[in-house]
Amino acid sequence: MITVKQPNEIKLMKKAGEIVYDTHQLLKDHLKDGITTKQLDDIAYNYIVSQKGYPSFKGYQGFPGSICVSINDEVVHGMPSSKKIKNGDIVSIDIGVIYEGYHADSAWTYAVGKIKDEDEYLLIHTEKALFEGLKTIKDGSYLNEIGLAIENYALSKKLGVVKELVGHGIGRNLHEDPDVPNFKNNSQIILKEGMTIAVEPMLNLKSPKIKMLSDGWTIVTKDKKPSAHFEHTIVVTKEGYEILTKR
């Protein structure tokens, strides 16, 4: 069931989103050669709980970490571990926070040190694809316009669009209706003022094909080329949208 949020609910989601944003800024400062993904996870957990929030992902369907940290060819759901980050890596960090019963969720992909030109190209255009999708949003627009805009932009840049993974509604639950695909689809859902969704293109440098590793969580590209992931939680407004996962 798709829900329209009331102003008091949006206020709580915005607070959750501010904690998400601040956690991203904190981790960005620690994202250096030699740090482990588990150390990043610990920093995130300690900060989130200090702000009276709780990591949305911790324990979700058995996920052990507070955040997802996905490196290079890892698309999403990288589990925190003793794995060390190196200069030249691109690192996607996905953070969810629940605050007083309401969730917010945002992912961003970061460059560590000097990265390859093709990896920088991927990051620039995946972020731009997110905002191409967001530009279509307003009260009365069709949800399928989001995916069409993202896919058209991605294909114009010759990037692969992951189709097995999609964005989602969000609010009292981390994942709610509706699904928000990043590609052309036949959804007839009309967006309404007060709906809250997470838009999150996942684009690959080459082929869109993916597979899951034996850990049951980590999704990687089949061709081992890099992937990038950018996501914001937004609320639909009369004239457009408001990003809840920023200050």
C-alpha atoms as a PDB file:
ATOM      1  CA  MET A   1       0.000   0.000   0.000  1.00  0.00           C
ATOM      2  CA  ILE A   2       1.305   3.443  -0.951  1.00  0.00           C
ATOM      3  CA  THR A   3       1.026   5.987   1.840  1.00  0.00           C
ATOM      4  CA  VAL A   4       0.939   9.784   1.774  1.00  0.00           C
ATOM      5  CA  LYS A   5       2.843  11.201   4.723  1.00  0.00           C
ATOM      6  CA  GLN A   6       1.540  13.923   7.012  1.00  0.00           C
ATOM      7  CA  PRO A   7       3.678  16.991   7.885  1.00  0.00           C
ATOM      8  CA  ASN A   8       4.646  15.584  11.297  1.00  0.00           C
ATOM      9  CA  GLU A   9       5.819  12.347   9.641  1.00  0.00           C
ATOM     10  CA  ILE A  10       7.849  14.230   7.026  1.00  0.00           C
ATOM     11  CA  LYS A  11       9.462  16.241   9.827  1.00  0.00           C
ATOM     12  CA  LEU A  12      10.682  13.035  11.487  1.00  0.00           C
ATOM     13  CA  MET A  13      11.922  11.656   8.156  1.00  0.00           C
ATOM     14  CA  LYS A  14      13.788  14.904   7.556  1.00  0.00           C
ATOM     15  CA  LYS A  15      15.506  14.526  10.936  1.00  0.00           C
ATOM     16  CA  ALA A  16      16.443  10.938  10.040  1.00  0.00           C
ATOM     17  CA  GLY A  17      17.704  12.256   6.706  1.00  0.00           C
ATOM     18  CA  GLU A  18      19.873  14.872   8.396  1.00  0.00           C
ATOM     19  CA  ILE A  19      21.509  12.141  10.474  1.00  0.00           C
ATOM     20  CA  VAL A  20      22.083  10.127   7.281  1.00  0.00           C
ATOM     21  CA  TYR A  21      23.660  13.151   5.588  1.00  0.00           C
ATOM     22  CA  ASP A  22      25.871  13.982   8.571  1.00  0.00           C
ATOM     23  CA  THR A  23      27.019  10.354   8.786  1.00  0.00           C
ATOM     24  CA  HIS A  24      28.032  10.503   5.118  1.00  0.00           C
ATOM     25  CA  GLN A  25      30.063  13.657   5.769  1.00  0.00           C
ATOM     26  CA  LEU A  26      31.750  12.036   8.764  1.00  0.00           C
ATOM     27  CA  LEU A  27      32.657   8.876   6.851  1.00  0.00           C
ATOM     28  CA  LYS A  28      33.895  10.869   3.875  1.00  0.00           C
ATOM     29  CA  ASP A  29      36.565  12.382   6.132  1.00  0.00           C
ATOM     30  CA  HIS A  30      37.687   8.891   7.224  1.00  0.00           C
ATOM     31  CA  LEU A  31      37.637   7.336   3.757  1.00  0.00           C
ATOM     32  CA  LYS A  32      41.367   6.901   3.276  1.00  0.00           C
ATOM     33  CA  ASP A  33      43.886   4.286   2.201  1.00  0.00           C
ATOM     34  CA  GLY A  34      44.176   1.526   4.812  1.00  0.00           C
ATOM     35  CA  ILE A  35      40.897   1.937   6.697  1.00  0.00           C
ATOM     36  CA  THR A  36      38.754  -1.195   6.891  1.00  0.00           C
ATOM     37  CA  THR A  37      35.083  -1.314   5.993  1.00  0.00           C
ATOM     38  CA  LYS A  38      34.379  -2.538   9.556  1.00  0.00           C
ATOM     39  CA  GLN A  39      36.065   0.573  10.983  1.00  0.00           C
ATOM     40  CA  LEU A  40      33.784   2.729   8.813  1.00  0.00           C
ATOM     41  CA  ASP A  41      30.812   0.712  10.043  1.00  0.00           C
ATOM     42  CA  ASP A  42      31.777   1.268  13.682  1.00  0.00           C
ATOM     43  CA  ILE A  43      32.175   5.024  13.135  1.00  0.00           C
ATOM     44  CA  ALA A  44      28.755   5.165  11.503  1.00  0.00           C
ATOM     45  CA  TYR A  45      27.050   3.151  14.248  1.00  0.00           C
ATOM     46  CA  ASN A  46      28.519   5.228  17.067  1.00  0.00           C
ATOM     47  CA  TYR A  47      27.549   8.497  15.414  1.00  0.00           C
ATOM     48  CA  ILE A  48      24.015   7.450  14.492  1.00  0.00           C
ATOM     49  CA  VAL A  49      23.157   6.250  18.000  1.00  0.00           C
ATOM     50  CA  SER A  50      24.736   9.405  19.483  1.00  0.00           C
ATOM     51  CA  GLN A  51      22.091  11.347  17.539  1.00  0.00           C
ATOM     52  CA  LYS A  52      19.287   9.208  19.006  1.00  0.00           C
ATOM     53  CA  GLY A  53      18.807   7.322  15.761  1.00  0.00           C
ATOM     54  CA  TYR A  54      19.465   3.693  14.880  1.00  0.00           C
ATOM     55  CA  PRO A  55      20.950   2.151  11.707  1.00  0.00           C
ATOM     56  CA  SER A  56      18.064   0.949   9.529  1.00  0.00           C
ATOM     57  CA  PHE A  57      20.155  -1.836   8.004  1.00  0.00           C
ATOM     58  CA  LYS A  58      21.502  -3.411  11.203  1.00  0.00           C
ATOM     59  CA  GLY A  59      19.741  -6.747  11.562  1.00  0.00           C
ATOM     60  CA  TYR A  60      17.482  -6.082   8.563  1.00  0.00           C
ATOM     61  CA  GLN A  61      16.713  -9.542   7.158  1.00  0.00           C
ATOM     62  CA  GLY A  62      19.847 -10.676   8.985  1.00  0.00           C
ATOM     63  CA  PHE A  63      22.264  -8.067   7.594  1.00  0.00           C
ATOM     64  CA  PRO A  64      25.114  -7.788  10.140  1.00  0.00           C
ATOM     65  CA  GLY A  65      26.351  -4.247   9.482  1.00  0.00           C
ATOM     66  CA  SER A  66      25.112  -0.747  10.193  1.00  0.00           C
ATOM     67  CA  ILE A  67      25.965   0.436   6.666  1.00  0.00           C
ATOM     68  CA  CYS A  68      26.689  -1.139   3.295  1.00  0.00           C
ATOM     69  CA  VAL A  69      30.189  -0.529   1.913  1.00  0.00           C
ATOM     70  CA  SER A  70      30.641  -1.658  -1.694  1.00  0.00           C
ATOM     71  CA  ILE A  71      34.016  -1.314  -3.423  1.00  0.00           C
ATOM     72  CA  ASN A  72      34.771  -1.085  -7.168  1.00  0.00           C
ATOM     73  CA  ASP A  73      32.831  -3.916  -8.874  1.00  0.00           C
ATOM     74  CA  GLU A  74      30.566  -4.390  -5.851  1.00  0.00           C
ATOM     75  CA  VAL A  75      27.212  -2.873  -6.806  1.00  0.00           C
ATOM     76  CA  VAL A  76      25.391  -2.911  -3.447  1.00  0.00           C
ATOM     77  CA  HIS A  77      25.119  -4.628  -0.054  1.00  0.00           C
ATOM     78  CA  GLY A  78      28.845  -4.928   0.653  1.00  0.00           C
ATOM     79  CA  MET A  79      29.179  -6.278   4.202  1.00  0.00           C
ATOM     80  CA  PRO A  80      31.569  -4.521   6.601  1.00  0.00           C
ATOM     81  CA  SER A  81      34.655  -6.652   7.274  1.00  0.00           C
ATOM     82  CA  SER A  82      38.424  -6.513   7.717  1.00  0.00           C
ATOM     83  CA  LYS A  83      38.777  -5.613   4.024  1.00  0.00           C
ATOM     84  CA  LYS A  84      40.962  -2.534   3.570  1.00  0.00           C
ATOM     85  CA  ILE A  85      40.187   0.354   1.261  1.00  0.00           C
ATOM     86  CA  LYS A  86      43.002   1.427  -1.051  1.00  0.00           C
ATOM     87  CA  ASN A  87      43.914   4.544  -2.982  1.00  0.00           C
ATOM     88  CA  GLY A  88      42.320   4.309  -6.420  1.00  0.00           C
ATOM     89  CA  ASP A  89      39.177   2.569  -5.157  1.00  0.00           C
ATOM     90  CA  ILE A  90      35.663   3.847  -5.676  1.00  0.00           C
ATOM     91  CA  VAL A  91      33.515   3.155  -2.630  1.00  0.00           C
ATOM     92  CA  SER A  92      29.724   3.203  -2.430  1.00  0.00           C
ATOM     93  CA  ILE A  93      28.398   3.846   1.061  1.00  0.00           C
ATOM     94  CA  ASP A  94      24.706   3.219   1.686  1.00  0.00           C
ATOM     95  CA  ILE A  95      23.288   4.541   4.956  1.00  0.00           C
ATOM     96  CA  GLY A  96      19.814   4.195   6.449  1.00  0.00           C
ATOM     97  CA  VAL A  97      18.633   5.694   9.735  1.00  0.00           C
ATOM     98  CA  ILE A  98      15.437   5.223  11.715  1.00  0.00           C
ATOM     99  CA  TYR A  99      14.500   8.135  13.975  1.00  0.00           C
ATOM    100  CA  GLU A 100      11.416   7.987  16.199  1.00  0.00           C
ATOM    101  CA  GLY A 101       9.878   5.348  13.965  1.00  0.00           C
ATOM    102  CA  TYR A 102      10.685   6.831  10.531  1.00  0.00           C
ATOM    103  CA  HIS A 103      13.409   5.939   8.044  1.00  0.00           C
ATOM    104  CA  ALA A 104      15.602   7.842   5.591  1.00  0.00           C
ATOM    105  CA  ASP A 105      18.077   6.256   3.175  1.00  0.00           C
ATOM    106  CA  SER A 106      20.877   7.617   0.983  1.00  0.00           C
ATOM    107  CA  ALA A 107      23.841   6.167  -0.901  1.00  0.00           C
ATOM    108  CA  TRP A 108      26.816   7.940  -2.447  1.00  0.00           C
ATOM    109  CA  THR A 109      29.895   6.715  -4.294  1.00  0.00           C
ATOM    110  CA  TYR A 110      33.239   8.262  -3.385  1.00  0.00           C
ATOM    111  CA  ALA A 111      36.676   8.366  -4.964  1.00  0.00           C
ATOM    112  CA  VAL A 112      39.593   7.388  -2.715  1.00  0.00           C
ATOM    113  CA  GLY A 113      42.723   9.218  -3.808  1.00  0.00           C
ATOM    114  CA  LYS A 114      43.415   9.385  -7.536  1.00  0.00           C
ATOM    115  CA  ILE A 115      41.024   7.192  -9.529  1.00  0.00           C
ATOM    116  CA  LYS A 116      40.962   6.167 -13.194  1.00  0.00           C
ATOM    117  CA  ASP A 117      39.394   8.574 -15.682  1.00  0.00           C
ATOM    118  CA  GLU A 118      36.762   5.998 -16.623  1.00  0.00           C
ATOM    119  CA  ASP A 119      35.816   5.558 -12.966  1.00  0.00           C
ATOM    120  CA  GLU A 120      35.479   9.329 -12.553  1.00  0.00           C
ATOM    121  CA  TYR A 121      33.271   9.353 -15.668  1.00  0.00           C
ATOM    122  CA  LEU A 122      31.069   6.688 -14.065  1.00  0.00           C
ATOM    123  CA  LEU A 123      30.700   8.653 -10.811  1.00  0.00           C
ATOM    124  CA  ILE A 124      29.919  11.951 -12.539  1.00  0.00           C
ATOM    125  CA  HIS A 125      27.242  10.507 -14.779  1.00  0.00           C
ATOM    126  CA  THR A 126      25.604   8.219 -12.215  1.00  0.00           C
ATOM    127  CA  GLU A 127      25.108  11.222  -9.937  1.00  0.00           C
ATOM    128  CA  LYS A 128      23.727  13.208 -12.878  1.00  0.00           C
ATOM    129  CA  ALA A 129      21.390  10.330 -13.734  1.00  0.00           C
ATOM    130  CA  LEU A 130      19.932  10.547 -10.214  1.00  0.00           C
ATOM    131  CA  PHE A 131      19.083  14.204 -10.690  1.00  0.00           C
ATOM    132  CA  GLU A 132      17.685  13.568 -14.176  1.00  0.00           C
ATOM    133  CA  GLY A 133      15.236  11.209 -12.503  1.00  0.00           C
ATOM    134  CA  LEU A 134      14.434  13.620  -9.697  1.00  0.00           C
ATOM    135  CA  LYS A 135      13.669  16.411 -12.178  1.00  0.00           C
ATOM    136  CA  THR A 136      10.586  14.537 -13.378  1.00  0.00           C
ATOM    137  CA  ILE A 137       8.991  14.430  -9.929  1.00  0.00           C
ATOM    138  CA  LYS A 138       6.010  16.538  -8.889  1.00  0.00           C
ATOM    139  CA  ASP A 139       2.442  16.087  -7.737  1.00  0.00           C
ATOM    140  CA  GLY A 140       0.499  14.541 -10.619  1.00  0.00           C
ATOM    141  CA  SER A 141       3.469  13.172 -12.582  1.00  0.00           C
ATOM    142  CA  TYR A 142       3.827   9.465 -13.374  1.00  0.00           C
ATOM    143  CA  LEU A 143       6.291   7.383 -11.402  1.00  0.00           C
ATOM    144  CA  ASN A 144       7.483   5.709 -14.619  1.00  0.00           C
ATOM    145  CA  GLU A 145       8.896   9.042 -15.820  1.00  0.00           C
ATOM    146  CA  ILE A 146      11.664   8.685 -13.206  1.00  0.00           C
ATOM    147  CA  GLY A 147      13.004   5.424 -14.618  1.00  0.00           C
ATOM    148  CA  LEU A 148      12.684   6.564 -18.221  1.00  0.00           C
ATOM    149  CA  ALA A 149      14.722   9.708 -17.530  1.00  0.00           C
ATOM    150  CA  ILE A 150      17.424   7.775 -15.656  1.00  0.00           C
ATOM    151  CA  GLU A 151      17.715   5.080 -18.323  1.00  0.00           C
ATOM    152  CA  ASN A 152      17.745   7.546 -21.230  1.00  0.00           C
ATOM    153  CA  TYR A 153      20.541   9.523 -19.581  1.00  0.00           C
ATOM    154  CA  ALA A 154      22.555   6.412 -18.667  1.00  0.00           C
ATOM    155  CA  LEU A 155      22.310   4.926 -22.144  1.00  0.00           C
ATOM    156  CA  SER A 156      23.299   8.245 -23.709  1.00  0.00           C
ATOM    157  CA  LYS A 157      26.542   7.920 -21.699  1.00  0.00           C
ATOM    158  CA  LYS A 158      26.912   4.226 -22.625  1.00  0.00           C
ATOM    159  CA  LEU A 159      26.514   3.033 -19.027  1.00  0.00           C
ATOM    160  CA  GLY A 160      24.797  -0.199 -18.001  1.00  0.00           C
ATOM    161  CA  VAL A 161      21.554   0.119 -16.012  1.00  0.00           C
ATOM    162  CA  VAL A 162      21.090  -2.546 -13.330  1.00  0.00           C
ATOM    163  CA  LYS A 163      17.492  -3.779 -13.630  1.00  0.00           C
ATOM    164  CA  GLU A 164      17.311  -6.394 -10.888  1.00  0.00           C
ATOM    165  CA  LEU A 165      17.557  -3.690  -8.184  1.00  0.00           C
ATOM    166  CA  VAL A 166      15.235  -0.697  -7.813  1.00  0.00           C
ATOM    167  CA  GLY A 167      14.384   2.240  -5.576  1.00  0.00           C
ATOM    168  CA  HIS A 168      11.448   2.105  -3.197  1.00  0.00           C
ATOM    169  CA  GLY A 169       8.885   3.830  -1.060  1.00  0.00           C
ATOM    170  CA  ILE A 170      10.056   4.611   2.462  1.00  0.00           C
ATOM    171  CA  GLY A 171       8.609   5.850   5.746  1.00  0.00           C
ATOM    172  CA  ARG A 172       7.604   3.771   8.750  1.00  0.00           C
ATOM    173  CA  ASN A 173       9.262   0.877   6.939  1.00  0.00           C
ATOM    174  CA  LEU A 174      12.635   0.934   5.226  1.00  0.00           C
ATOM    175  CA  HIS A 175      11.100  -0.563   2.082  1.00  0.00           C
ATOM    176  CA  GLU A 176       7.512   0.333   1.224  1.00  0.00           C
ATOM    177  CA  ASP A 177       5.421   0.475  -1.923  1.00  0.00           C
ATOM    178  CA  PRO A 178       5.968   1.516  -4.633  1.00  0.00           C
ATOM    179  CA  ASP A 179       9.005   0.088  -6.368  1.00  0.00           C
ATOM    180  CA  VAL A 180      10.908   2.856  -8.194  1.00  0.00           C
ATOM    181  CA  PRO A 181      12.680   1.337 -11.237  1.00  0.00           C
ATOM    182  CA  ASN A 182      15.670   3.049 -12.867  1.00  0.00           C
ATOM    183  CA  PHE A 183      14.540   2.059 -16.356  1.00  0.00           C
ATOM    184  CA  LYS A 184      11.550   2.283 -18.701  1.00  0.00           C
ATOM    185  CA  ASN A 185       8.549   0.547 -17.153  1.00  0.00           C
ATOM    186  CA  ASN A 186       4.773   0.384 -17.431  1.00  0.00           C
ATOM    187  CA  SER A 187       3.846   1.659 -13.987  1.00  0.00           C
ATOM    188  CA  GLN A 188       0.676   3.757 -14.028  1.00  0.00           C
ATOM    189  CA  ILE A 189       1.208   5.081 -10.496  1.00  0.00           C
ATOM    190  CA  ILE A 190       0.643   8.827 -10.213  1.00  0.00           C
ATOM    191  CA  LEU A 191       2.807  10.652  -7.684  1.00  0.00           C
ATOM    192  CA  LYS A 192       0.954  12.604  -5.004  1.00  0.00           C
ATOM    193  CA  GLU A 193       2.088  15.409  -2.728  1.00  0.00           C
ATOM    194  CA  GLY A 194       3.377  13.843   0.495  1.00  0.00           C
ATOM    195  CA  MET A 195       4.558  10.557  -0.999  1.00  0.00           C
ATOM    196  CA  THR A 196       8.099   9.656   0.084  1.00  0.00           C
ATOM    197  CA  ILE A 197      10.399   7.566  -2.101  1.00  0.00           C
ATOM    198  CA  ALA A 198      14.070   6.646  -2.392  1.00  0.00           C
ATOM    199  CA  VAL A 199      15.421   7.101  -5.923  1.00  0.00           C
ATOM    200  CA  GLU A 200      18.690   5.221  -6.458  1.00  0.00           C
ATOM    201  CA  PRO A 201      20.262   4.569  -9.851  1.00  0.00           C
ATOM    202  CA  MET A 202      22.883   1.825  -9.866  1.00  0.00           C
ATOM    203  CA  LEU A 203      24.931   2.099 -13.056  1.00  0.00           C
ATOM    204  CA  ASN A 204      27.794  -0.052 -14.310  1.00  0.00           C
ATOM    205  CA  LEU A 205      30.728   1.080 -16.405  1.00  0.00           C
ATOM    206  CA  LYS A 206      30.015  -1.580 -19.032  1.00  0.00           C
ATOM    207  CA  SER A 207      27.555  -4.468 -18.866  1.00  0.00           C
ATOM    208  CA  PRO A 208      24.442  -4.209 -16.664  1.00  0.00           C
ATOM    209  CA  LYS A 209      24.708  -7.886 -15.703  1.00  0.00           C
ATOM    210  CA  ILE A 210      25.186  -8.702 -12.025  1.00  0.00           C
ATOM    211  CA  LYS A 211      25.509 -11.696  -9.699  1.00  0.00           C
ATOM    212  CA  MET A 212      25.401 -12.380  -5.959  1.00  0.00           C
ATOM    213  CA  LEU A 213      28.447 -13.616  -4.067  1.00  0.00           C
ATOM    214  CA  SER A 214      28.378 -16.670  -1.818  1.00  0.00           C
ATOM    215  CA  ASP A 215      27.930 -14.495   1.298  1.00  0.00           C
ATOM    216  CA  GLY A 216      24.292 -14.093   0.249  1.00  0.00           C
ATOM    217  CA  TRP A 217      24.444 -10.294   0.289  1.00  0.00           C
ATOM    218  CA  THR A 218      27.119  -8.714  -1.886  1.00  0.00           C
ATOM    219  CA  ILE A 219      26.035  -7.991  -5.474  1.00  0.00           C
ATOM    220  CA  VAL A 220      28.856  -7.582  -8.023  1.00  0.00           C
ATOM    221  CA  THR A 221      29.122  -6.917 -11.749  1.00  0.00           C
ATOM    222  CA  LYS A 222      29.542 -10.059 -13.835  1.00  0.00           C
ATOM    223  CA  ASP A 223      32.270  -8.480 -15.967  1.00  0.00           C
ATOM    224  CA  LYS A 224      34.130  -7.178 -12.862  1.00  0.00           C
ATOM    225  CA  LYS A 225      33.899  -3.594 -14.124  1.00  0.00           C
ATOM    226  CA  PRO A 226      33.124  -0.827 -11.594  1.00  0.00           C
ATOM    227  CA  SER A 227      29.634   0.155 -10.486  1.00  0.00           C
ATOM    228  CA  ALA A 228      28.321   3.345  -8.859  1.00  0.00           C
ATOM    229  CA  HIS A 229      25.283   4.017  -6.667  1.00  0.00           C
ATOM    230  CA  PHE A 230      23.695   7.369  -5.822  1.00  0.00           C
ATOM    231  CA  GLU A 231      20.492   7.724  -3.798  1.00  0.00           C
ATOM    232  CA  HIS A 232      18.351  10.328  -2.075  1.00  0.00           C
ATOM    233  CA  THR A 233      15.134  10.033  -0.086  1.00  0.00           C
ATOM    234  CA  ILE A 234      12.653  12.672  -1.280  1.00  0.00           C
ATOM    235  CA  VAL A 235       9.116  13.862  -0.577  1.00  0.00           C
ATOM    236  CA  VAL A 236       6.867  14.784  -3.485  1.00  0.00           C
ATOM    237  CA  THR A 237       5.678  18.415  -3.354  1.00  0.00           C
ATOM    238  CA  LYS A 238       3.101  20.349  -5.349  1.00  0.00           C
ATOM    239  CA  GLU A 239       5.689  21.828  -7.681  1.00  0.00           C
ATOM    240  CA  GLY A 240       8.436  19.204  -7.504  1.00  0.00           C
ATOM    241  CA  TYR A 241      10.270  17.454  -4.678  1.00  0.00           C
ATOM    242  CA  GLU A 242      12.278  18.087  -1.527  1.00  0.00           C
ATOM    243  CA  ILE A 243      15.386  16.064  -0.690  1.00  0.00           C
ATOM    244  CA  LEU A 244      15.165  14.769   2.872  1.00  0.00           C
ATOM    245  CA  THR A 245      18.674  13.292   3.042  1.00  0.00           C
ATOM    246  CA  LYS A 246      20.615  16.538   3.110  1.00  0.00           C
ATOM    247  CA  ARG A 247      20.833  19.721   5.163  1.00  0.00           C
END
